């Protein structure tokens, strides 16, 4: 259960970083490097999430399932 909370937190941080990048792009109009920093943070968080999902699957902490259960 804790791994699912961590995944949701990482997803929220990715969305916040994306929004902050968009806001700084509009506000600064390309005069500063803040947009690049926010988007770099988003990429790092996305890679961390991908690695966490892979490790969680390999360790058995999360299980994949289909959209429709067998039955």
PDB file of N, CA and C in Angstrom:
ATOM      1  N   UNK A   1       0.817  -1.196   0.000  1.00  0.00           N
ATOM      2  CA  UNK A   1       0.000   0.000   0.000  1.00  0.00           C
ATOM      3  C   UNK A   1       0.862   1.261   0.000  1.00  0.00           C
ATOM      4  N   UNK A   2       1.982   1.224   0.721  1.00  0.00           N
ATOM      5  CA  UNK A   2       2.849   2.405   0.796  1.00  0.00           C
ATOM      6  C   UNK A   2       3.462   2.716  -0.555  1.00  0.00           C
ATOM      7  N   UNK A   3       3.728   1.679  -1.362  1.00  0.00           N
ATOM      8  CA  UNK A   3       4.326   1.902  -2.672  1.00  0.00           C
ATOM      9  C   UNK A   3       3.347   2.635  -3.587  1.00  0.00           C
ATOM     10  N   UNK A   4       2.064   2.346  -3.446  1.00  0.00           N
ATOM     11  CA  UNK A   4       1.063   3.031  -4.262  1.00  0.00           C
ATOM     12  C   UNK A   4       0.974   4.508  -3.893  1.00  0.00           C
ATOM     13  N   UNK A   5       1.132   4.813  -2.624  1.00  0.00           N
ATOM     14  CA  UNK A   5       1.125   6.208  -2.170  1.00  0.00           C
ATOM     15  C   UNK A   5       2.347   6.938  -2.724  1.00  0.00           C
ATOM     16  N   UNK A   6       3.500   6.273  -2.714  1.00  0.00           N
ATOM     17  CA  UNK A   6       4.717   6.873  -3.260  1.00  0.00           C
ATOM     18  C   UNK A   6       4.557   7.141  -4.752  1.00  0.00           C
ATOM     19  N   UNK A   7       3.948   6.194  -5.468  1.00  0.00           N
ATOM     20  CA  UNK A   7       3.710   6.369  -6.903  1.00  0.00           C
ATOM     21  C   UNK A   7       2.791   7.561  -7.148  1.00  0.00           C
ATOM     22  N   UNK A   8       1.736   7.686  -6.367  1.00  0.00           N
ATOM     23  CA  UNK A   8       0.818   8.821  -6.525  1.00  0.00           C
ATOM     24  C   UNK A   8       1.499  10.153  -6.209  1.00  0.00           C
ATOM     25  N   UNK A   9       2.361  10.167  -5.196  1.00  0.00           N
ATOM     26  CA  UNK A   9       3.096  11.384  -4.855  1.00  0.00           C
ATOM     27  C   UNK A   9       4.028  11.772  -5.992  1.00  0.00           C
ATOM     28  N   UNK A  10       4.735  10.787  -6.572  1.00  0.00           N
ATOM     29  CA  UNK A  10       5.617  11.079  -7.694  1.00  0.00           C
ATOM     30  C   UNK A  10       4.837  11.612  -8.893  1.00  0.00           C
ATOM     31  N   UNK A  11       3.676  11.027  -9.168  1.00  0.00           N
ATOM     32  CA  UNK A  11       2.843  11.525 -10.263  1.00  0.00           C
ATOM     33  C   UNK A  11       2.401  12.963 -10.012  1.00  0.00           C
ATOM     34  N   UNK A  12       2.022  13.262  -8.770  1.00  0.00           N
ATOM     35  CA  UNK A  12       1.618  14.627  -8.431  1.00  0.00           C
ATOM     36  C   UNK A  12       2.789  15.600  -8.592  1.00  0.00           C
ATOM     37  N   UNK A  13       3.983  15.194  -8.170  1.00  0.00           N
ATOM     38  CA  UNK A  13       5.154  16.059  -8.311  1.00  0.00           C
ATOM     39  C   UNK A  13       5.501  16.291  -9.776  1.00  0.00           C
ATOM     40  N   UNK A  14       5.310  15.272 -10.612  1.00  0.00           N
ATOM     41  CA  UNK A  14       5.551  15.423 -12.044  1.00  0.00           C
ATOM     42  C   UNK A  14       4.585  16.453 -12.631  1.00  0.00           C
ATOM     43  N   UNK A  15       3.320  16.362 -12.255  1.00  0.00           N
ATOM     44  CA  UNK A  15       2.332  17.328 -12.763  1.00  0.00           C
ATOM     45  C   UNK A  15       2.611  18.737 -12.254  1.00  0.00           C
ATOM     46  N   UNK A  16       3.014  18.866 -11.000  1.00  0.00           N
ATOM     47  CA  UNK A  16       3.337  20.183 -10.438  1.00  0.00           C
ATOM     48  C   UNK A  16       4.534  20.786 -11.170  1.00  0.00           C
ATOM     49  N   UNK A  17       5.549  19.967 -11.431  1.00  0.00           N
ATOM     50  CA  UNK A  17       6.727  20.454 -12.143  1.00  0.00           C
ATOM     51  C   UNK A  17       6.376  20.870 -13.567  1.00  0.00           C
ATOM     52  N   UNK A  18       5.510  20.110 -14.218  1.00  0.00           N
ATOM     53  CA  UNK A  18       5.072  20.466 -15.563  1.00  0.00           C
ATOM     54  C   UNK A  18       4.305  21.786 -15.551  1.00  0.00           C
ATOM     55  N   UNK A  19       3.425  21.959 -14.584  1.00  0.00           N
ATOM     56  CA  UNK A  19       2.679  23.213 -14.468  1.00  0.00           C
ATOM     57  C   UNK A  19       3.580  24.390 -14.159  1.00  0.00           C
ATOM     58  N   UNK A  20       4.552  24.179 -13.278  1.00  0.00           N
ATOM     59  CA  UNK A  20       5.487  25.258 -12.947  1.00  0.00           C
ATOM     60  C   UNK A  20       6.330  25.632 -14.160  1.00  0.00           C
ATOM     61  N   UNK A  21       6.703  24.649 -14.963  1.00  0.00           N
ATOM     62  CA  UNK A  21       7.447  24.933 -16.186  1.00  0.00           C
ATOM     63  C   UNK A  21       6.620  25.748 -17.158  1.00  0.00           C
ATOM     64  N   UNK A  22       5.351  25.393 -17.295  1.00  0.00           N
ATOM     65  CA  UNK A  22       4.473  26.134 -18.191  1.00  0.00           C
ATOM     66  C   UNK A  22       4.284  27.573 -17.695  1.00  0.00           C
ATOM     67  N   UNK A  23       4.080  27.724 -16.392  1.00  0.00           N
ATOM     68  CA  UNK A  23       3.888  29.049 -15.813  1.00  0.00           C
ATOM     69  C   UNK A  23       5.128  29.919 -16.002  1.00  0.00           C
ATOM     70  N   UNK A  24       6.316  29.337 -15.758  1.00  0.00           N
ATOM     71  CA  UNK A  24       7.540  30.128 -15.912  1.00  0.00           C
ATOM     72  C   UNK A  24       7.806  30.448 -17.379  1.00  0.00           C
ATOM     73  N   UNK A  25       7.410  29.560 -18.298  1.00  0.00           N
ATOM     74  CA  UNK A  25       7.575  29.838 -19.724  1.00  0.00           C
ATOM     75  C   UNK A  25       6.724  31.034 -20.148  1.00  0.00           C
ATOM     76  N   UNK A  26       5.492  31.070 -19.634  1.00  0.00           N
ATOM     77  CA  UNK A  26       4.594  32.169 -19.988  1.00  0.00           C
ATOM     78  C   UNK A  26       5.024  33.474 -19.312  1.00  0.00           C
ATOM     79  N   UNK A  27       5.402  33.392 -18.045  1.00  0.00           N
ATOM     80  CA  UNK A  27       5.722  34.605 -17.287  1.00  0.00           C
ATOM     81  C   UNK A  27       7.072  35.199 -17.677  1.00  0.00           C
ATOM     82  N   UNK A  28       8.106  34.364 -17.801  1.00  0.00           N
ATOM     83  CA  UNK A  28       9.461  34.873 -18.057  1.00  0.00           C
ATOM     84  C   UNK A  28       9.721  35.166 -19.532  1.00  0.00           C
ATOM     85  N   UNK A  29       8.923  34.596 -20.414  1.00  0.00           N
ATOM     86  CA  UNK A  29       9.070  34.788 -21.859  1.00  0.00           C
ATOM     87  C   UNK A  29      10.460  34.456 -22.362  1.00  0.00           C
ATOM     88  N   UNK A  30      11.070  33.418 -21.805  1.00  0.00           N
ATOM     89  CA  UNK A  30      12.365  32.956 -22.287  1.00  0.00           C
ATOM     90  C   UNK A  30      13.566  33.734 -21.803  1.00  0.00           C
ATOM     91  N   UNK A  31      13.394  34.574 -20.819  1.00  0.00           N
ATOM     92  CA  UNK A  31      14.505  35.401 -20.339  1.00  0.00           C
ATOM     93  C   UNK A  31      15.353  34.682 -19.294  1.00  0.00           C
ATOM     94  N   UNK A  32      14.805  33.691 -18.608  1.00  0.00           N
ATOM     95  CA  UNK A  32      15.564  32.970 -17.580  1.00  0.00           C
ATOM     96  C   UNK A  32      15.603  31.481 -17.920  1.00  0.00           C
ATOM     97  N   UNK A  33      16.339  30.742 -17.125  1.00  0.00           N
ATOM     98  CA  UNK A  33      16.471  29.296 -17.324  1.00  0.00           C
ATOM     99  C   UNK A  33      15.545  28.496 -16.409  1.00  0.00           C
ATOM    100  N   UNK A  34      14.571  29.155 -15.790  1.00  0.00           N
ATOM    101  CA  UNK A  34      13.686  28.452 -14.860  1.00  0.00           C
ATOM    102  C   UNK A  34      12.884  27.354 -15.547  1.00  0.00           C
ATOM    103  N   UNK A  35      12.453  27.588 -16.759  1.00  0.00           N
ATOM    104  CA  UNK A  35      11.665  26.587 -17.478  1.00  0.00           C
ATOM    105  C   UNK A  35      12.485  25.330 -17.696  1.00  0.00           C
ATOM    106  N   UNK A  36      13.735  25.485 -18.082  1.00  0.00           N
ATOM    107  CA  UNK A  36      14.614  24.343 -18.302  1.00  0.00           C
ATOM    108  C   UNK A  36      14.804  23.568 -17.000  1.00  0.00           C
ATOM    109  N   UNK A  37      14.963  24.275 -15.900  1.00  0.00           N
ATOM    110  CA  UNK A  37      15.146  23.604 -14.609  1.00  0.00           C
ATOM    111  C   UNK A  37      13.906  22.813 -14.217  1.00  0.00           C
ATOM    112  N   UNK A  38      12.729  23.400 -14.399  1.00  0.00           N
ATOM    113  CA  UNK A  38      11.490  22.693 -14.055  1.00  0.00           C
ATOM    114  C   UNK A  38      11.285  21.465 -14.933  1.00  0.00           C
ATOM    115  N   UNK A  39      11.577  21.591 -16.213  1.00  0.00           N
ATOM    116  CA  UNK A  39      11.392  20.450 -17.102  1.00  0.00           C
ATOM    117  C   UNK A  39      12.451  19.373 -16.850  1.00  0.00           C
ATOM    118  N   UNK A  40      13.653  19.769 -16.432  1.00  0.00           N
ATOM    119  CA  UNK A  40      14.671  18.789 -16.052  1.00  0.00           C
ATOM    120  C   UNK A  40      14.228  18.020 -14.811  1.00  0.00           C
ATOM    121  N   UNK A  41      13.653  18.724 -13.868  1.00  0.00           N
ATOM    122  CA  UNK A  41      13.132  18.064 -12.663  1.00  0.00           C
ATOM    123  C   UNK A  41      12.035  17.078 -13.047  1.00  0.00           C
ATOM    124  N   UNK A  42      11.176  17.462 -13.986  1.00  0.00           N
ATOM    125  CA  UNK A  42      10.106  16.565 -14.433  1.00  0.00           C
ATOM    126  C   UNK A  42      10.660  15.305 -15.081  1.00  0.00           C
ATOM    127  N   UNK A  43      11.704  15.446 -15.876  1.00  0.00           N
ATOM    128  CA  UNK A  43      12.310  14.283 -16.523  1.00  0.00           C
ATOM    129  C   UNK A  43      12.936  13.365 -15.486  1.00  0.00           C
ATOM    130  N   UNK A  44      13.632  13.932 -14.513  1.00  0.00           N
ATOM    131  CA  UNK A  44      14.256  13.120 -13.456  1.00  0.00           C
ATOM    132  C   UNK A  44      13.192  12.382 -12.645  1.00  0.00           C
ATOM    133  N   UNK A  45      12.103  13.064 -12.310  1.00  0.00           N
ATOM    134  CA  UNK A  45      11.026  12.417 -11.570  1.00  0.00           C
ATOM    135  C   UNK A  45      10.367  11.312 -12.392  1.00  0.00           C
ATOM    136  N   UNK A  46      10.216  11.528 -13.691  1.00  0.00           N
ATOM    137  CA  UNK A  46       9.618  10.514 -14.549  1.00  0.00           C
ATOM    138  C   UNK A  46      10.497   9.272 -14.642  1.00  0.00           C
ATOM    139  N   UNK A  47      11.798   9.474 -14.765  1.00  0.00           N
ATOM    140  CA  UNK A  47      12.722   8.337 -14.801  1.00  0.00           C
ATOM    141  C   UNK A  47      12.708   7.609 -13.464  1.00  0.00           C
ATOM    142  N   UNK A  48      12.677   8.363 -12.364  1.00  0.00           N
ATOM    143  CA  UNK A  48      12.613   7.736 -11.037  1.00  0.00           C
ATOM    144  C   UNK A  48      11.333   6.919 -10.885  1.00  0.00           C
ATOM    145  N   UNK A  49      10.226   7.439 -11.377  1.00  0.00           N
ATOM    146  CA  UNK A  49       8.963   6.704 -11.316  1.00  0.00           C
ATOM    147  C   UNK A  49       9.037   5.426 -12.133  1.00  0.00           C
ATOM    148  N   UNK A  50       9.601   5.500 -13.319  1.00  0.00           N
ATOM    149  CA  UNK A  50       9.739   4.322 -14.176  1.00  0.00           C
ATOM    150  C   UNK A  50      10.599   3.253 -13.507  1.00  0.00           C
ATOM    151  N   UNK A  51      11.715   3.664 -12.912  1.00  0.00           N
ATOM    152  CA  UNK A  51      12.593   2.728 -12.211  1.00  0.00           C
ATOM    153  C   UNK A  51      11.879   2.136 -10.997  1.00  0.00           C
ATOM    154  N   UNK A  52      11.169   2.965 -10.253  1.00  0.00           N
ATOM    155  CA  UNK A  52      10.431   2.489  -9.087  1.00  0.00           C
ATOM    156  C   UNK A  52       9.369   1.470  -9.489  1.00  0.00           C
ATOM    157  N   UNK A  53       8.660   1.716 -10.590  1.00  0.00           N
ATOM    158  CA  UNK A  53       7.669   0.759 -11.057  1.00  0.00           C
ATOM    159  C   UNK A  53       8.308  -0.567 -11.449  1.00  0.00           C
ATOM    160  N   UNK A  54       9.453  -0.512 -12.122  1.00  0.00           N
ATOM    161  CA  UNK A  54      10.152  -1.736 -12.501  1.00  0.00           C
ATOM    162  C   UNK A  54      10.627  -2.526 -11.300  1.00  0.00           C
ATOM    163  N   UNK A  55      11.227  -1.851 -10.345  1.00  0.00           N
ATOM    164  CA  UNK A  55      11.707  -2.525  -9.133  1.00  0.00           C
ATOM    165  C   UNK A  55      10.537  -3.094  -8.335  1.00  0.00           C
ATOM    166  N   UNK A  56       9.459  -2.318  -8.235  1.00  0.00           N
ATOM    167  CA  UNK A  56       8.286  -2.769  -7.483  1.00  0.00           C
ATOM    168  C   UNK A  56       7.678  -4.017  -8.110  1.00  0.00           C
ATOM    169  N   UNK A  57       7.639  -4.060  -9.428  1.00  0.00           N
ATOM    170  CA  UNK A  57       7.112  -5.241 -10.113  1.00  0.00           C
ATOM    171  C   UNK A  57       8.019  -6.444  -9.895  1.00  0.00           C
ATOM    172  N   UNK A  58       9.330  -6.236 -10.004  1.00  0.00           N
ATOM    173  CA  UNK A  58      10.273  -7.348  -9.833  1.00  0.00           C
ATOM    174  C   UNK A  58      10.280  -7.877  -8.399  1.00  0.00           C
ATOM    175  N   UNK A  59      10.071  -6.999  -7.426  1.00  0.00           N
ATOM    176  CA  UNK A  59      10.066  -7.422  -6.022  1.00  0.00           C
ATOM    177  C   UNK A  59       8.714  -7.996  -5.596  1.00  0.00           C
ATOM    178  N   UNK A  60       7.700  -7.819  -6.448  1.00  0.00           N
ATOM    179  CA  UNK A  60       6.384  -8.343  -6.116  1.00  0.00           C
ATOM    180  C   UNK A  60       5.538  -7.416  -5.271  1.00  0.00           C
ATOM    181  N   UNK A  61       5.945  -6.163  -5.163  1.00  0.00           N
ATOM    182  CA  UNK A  61       5.192  -5.203  -4.356  1.00  0.00           C
ATOM    183  C   UNK A  61       3.922  -4.757  -5.069  1.00  0.00           C
ATOM    184  N   UNK A  62       3.951  -4.757  -6.400  1.00  0.00           N
ATOM    185  CA  UNK A  62       2.763  -4.436  -7.186  1.00  0.00           C
ATOM    186  C   UNK A  62       2.551  -5.561  -8.193  1.00  0.00           C
ATOM    187  N   UNK A  63       1.312  -5.803  -8.544  1.00  0.00           N
ATOM    188  CA  UNK A  63       0.975  -6.855  -9.485  1.00  0.00           C
ATOM    189  C   UNK A  63       0.197  -6.252 -10.644  1.00  0.00           C
ATOM    190  N   UNK A  64       0.576  -6.600 -11.863  1.00  0.00           N
ATOM    191  CA  UNK A  64      -0.217  -6.121 -12.999  1.00  0.00           C
ATOM    192  C   UNK A  64      -1.532  -6.887 -13.093  1.00  0.00           C
ATOM    193  N   UNK A  65      -2.501  -6.254 -13.660  1.00  0.00           N
ATOM    194  CA  UNK A  65      -3.786  -6.923 -13.861  1.00  0.00           C
ATOM    195  C   UNK A  65      -4.409  -6.380 -15.138  1.00  0.00           C
ATOM    196  N   UNK A  66      -5.272  -7.172 -15.719  1.00  0.00           N
ATOM    197  CA  UNK A  66      -5.963  -6.749 -16.923  1.00  0.00           C
ATOM    198  C   UNK A  66      -7.116  -5.844 -16.592  1.00  0.00           C
ATOM    199  N   UNK A  67      -7.719  -5.316 -17.602  1.00  0.00           N
ATOM    200  CA  UNK A  67      -8.880  -4.453 -17.370  1.00  0.00           C
ATOM    201  C   UNK A  67     -10.084  -5.256 -16.912  1.00  0.00           C
ATOM    202  N   UNK A  68     -10.187  -6.478 -17.414  1.00  0.00           N
ATOM    203  CA  UNK A  68     -11.315  -7.325 -17.031  1.00  0.00           C
ATOM    204  C   UNK A  68     -10.776  -8.583 -16.338  1.00  0.00           C
ATOM    205  N   UNK A  69     -11.231  -8.859 -15.126  1.00  0.00           N
ATOM    206  CA  UNK A  69     -10.733 -10.045 -14.433  1.00  0.00           C
ATOM    207  C   UNK A  69     -11.215 -11.319 -15.135  1.00  0.00           C
ATOM    208  N   UNK A  70     -10.415 -12.383 -15.050  1.00  0.00           N
ATOM    209  CA  UNK A  70     -10.844 -13.643 -15.686  1.00  0.00           C
ATOM    210  C   UNK A  70     -12.077 -14.188 -14.981  1.00  0.00           C
ATOM    211  N   UNK A  71     -12.959 -14.737 -15.746  1.00  0.00           N
ATOM    212  CA  UNK A  71     -14.113 -15.237 -15.038  1.00  0.00           C
ATOM    213  C   UNK A  71     -15.103 -15.861 -15.893  1.00  0.00           C
TER     214      UNK A  71
END
